[in-house]
Amino acid sequence: MAEAQWRAYASRLSSSESDDPTIKSYVESYKAAYGNAPSALTSQAYDSVGILLTAIKDANTTDLRKVKDQIYKTTYQGVTGEIKFDENGDVDTVRKGDY
């Protein structure tokens, strides 16, 4: 293998048919608003906004540096699963699965 390796991260909604109450509510609300189930990218965007809003609330500010630092400390349970970050801001959650 080459010295530098690429890492790939994939995010997806576990299942739009999930019995998990949070996911079920999210999917039902999305279907009511848009007429179809949310895509993986839609779910990833939903979680991204959730992470940002949680960090702003927890940092009690909108100061960019403080929010960034708070995001690095955040563990967020979203519709795509648990999301956390390392000290560099990279996703630190690896879930093996068949994608």
Protein backbone atom coordinates (compact mmCIF):
# COMPACT_ATOMS: atom_id res chain seq x y z
CA MET A 1 0.00 0.00 0.00
CA ALA A 2 1.12 3.51 -0.66
CA GLU A 3 2.40 5.62 2.21
CA ALA A 4 -0.64 7.91 2.07
CA GLN A 5 -3.98 6.18 2.14
CA TRP A 6 -7.44 7.53 1.51
CA ARG A 7 -10.16 7.10 4.05
CA ALA A 8 -13.77 6.94 3.02
CA TYR A 9 -16.69 7.68 5.25
CA ALA A 10 -20.21 6.80 4.31
CA SER A 11 -23.31 7.93 6.09
CA ARG A 12 -26.71 6.56 5.59
CA LEU A 13 -30.06 6.38 7.25
CA SER A 14 -30.13 3.01 8.97
CA SER A 15 -33.49 2.25 7.45
CA SER A 16 -36.48 4.31 6.53
CA GLU A 17 -38.43 1.29 7.85
CA SER A 18 -36.76 1.49 11.29
CA ASP A 19 -38.80 1.02 14.46
CA ASP A 20 -36.54 3.48 16.31
CA PRO A 21 -38.90 6.27 17.47
CA THR A 22 -36.51 9.09 16.51
CA ILE A 23 -35.91 7.73 13.01
CA LYS A 24 -39.56 6.85 12.55
CA SER A 25 -40.65 10.39 13.49
CA TYR A 26 -38.02 11.90 11.18
CA VAL A 27 -39.07 9.71 8.22
CA GLU A 28 -42.80 10.31 8.79
CA SER A 29 -42.29 14.09 9.05
CA TYR A 30 -40.15 14.10 5.92
CA LYS A 31 -42.67 12.01 3.95
CA ALA A 32 -45.52 14.30 5.06
CA ALA A 33 -43.62 17.37 3.88
CA TYR A 34 -42.05 16.03 0.67
CA GLY A 35 -44.04 12.94 -0.37
CA ASN A 36 -41.18 10.44 -0.27
CA ALA A 37 -38.61 8.96 2.10
CA PRO A 38 -35.45 10.95 2.85
CA SER A 39 -32.29 10.03 1.00
CA ALA A 40 -28.93 9.29 2.65
CA LEU A 41 -27.72 12.79 1.70
CA THR A 42 -30.83 14.40 3.14
CA SER A 43 -30.32 12.48 6.38
CA GLN A 44 -26.66 13.43 6.52
CA ALA A 45 -27.57 17.11 6.04
CA TYR A 46 -30.23 16.82 8.75
CA ASP A 47 -27.64 15.44 11.18
CA SER A 48 -25.09 18.08 10.17
CA VAL A 49 -27.51 20.87 11.06
CA GLY A 50 -28.38 19.05 14.28
CA ILE A 51 -24.69 18.88 15.23
CA LEU A 52 -24.23 22.59 14.50
CA LEU A 53 -27.31 23.65 16.48
CA THR A 54 -26.31 21.40 19.41
CA ALA A 55 -22.81 22.89 19.44
CA ILE A 56 -24.16 26.45 19.36
CA LYS A 57 -26.51 25.66 22.24
CA ASP A 58 -23.83 23.88 24.29
CA ALA A 59 -21.24 26.61 23.65
CA ASN A 60 -23.87 29.24 24.43
CA THR A 61 -22.53 31.40 21.61
CA THR A 62 -22.30 31.70 17.84
CA ASP A 63 -18.61 32.61 17.99
CA LEU A 64 -17.07 30.48 15.22
CA ARG A 65 -14.01 29.30 17.14
CA LYS A 66 -16.00 28.37 20.23
CA VAL A 67 -18.62 26.54 18.17
CA LYS A 68 -15.88 24.68 16.27
CA ASP A 69 -14.25 23.64 19.55
CA GLN A 70 -17.62 22.48 20.86
CA ILE A 71 -18.29 20.43 17.72
CA TYR A 72 -15.00 18.60 18.31
CA LYS A 73 -16.29 17.63 21.79
CA THR A 74 -19.77 16.69 20.62
CA THR A 75 -21.16 13.19 20.48
CA TYR A 76 -24.41 13.42 18.57
CA GLN A 77 -27.04 10.72 18.23
CA GLY A 78 -28.57 11.44 14.85
CA VAL A 79 -30.78 9.66 12.36
CA THR A 80 -27.66 8.25 10.66
CA GLY A 81 -26.27 6.91 13.96
CA GLU A 82 -23.87 8.16 16.61
CA ILE A 83 -21.48 10.83 15.34
CA LYS A 84 -18.41 12.09 17.16
CA PHE A 85 -15.21 13.82 16.17
CA ASP A 86 -11.52 13.61 17.01
CA GLU A 87 -9.24 16.47 18.06
CA ASN A 88 -8.78 17.45 14.39
CA GLY A 89 -12.50 17.62 13.68
CA ASP A 90 -12.51 14.41 11.64
CA VAL A 91 -15.33 11.93 12.13
CA ASP A 92 -14.19 9.52 14.82
CA THR A 93 -17.04 7.04 14.50
CA VAL A 94 -16.47 4.00 12.36
CA ARG A 95 -19.32 1.57 11.95
CA LYS A 96 -18.59 -1.39 9.80
CA GLY A 97 -21.39 -2.55 7.66
CA ASP A 98 -22.37 -3.58 4.20
CA TYR A 99 -22.92 -0.46 2.16
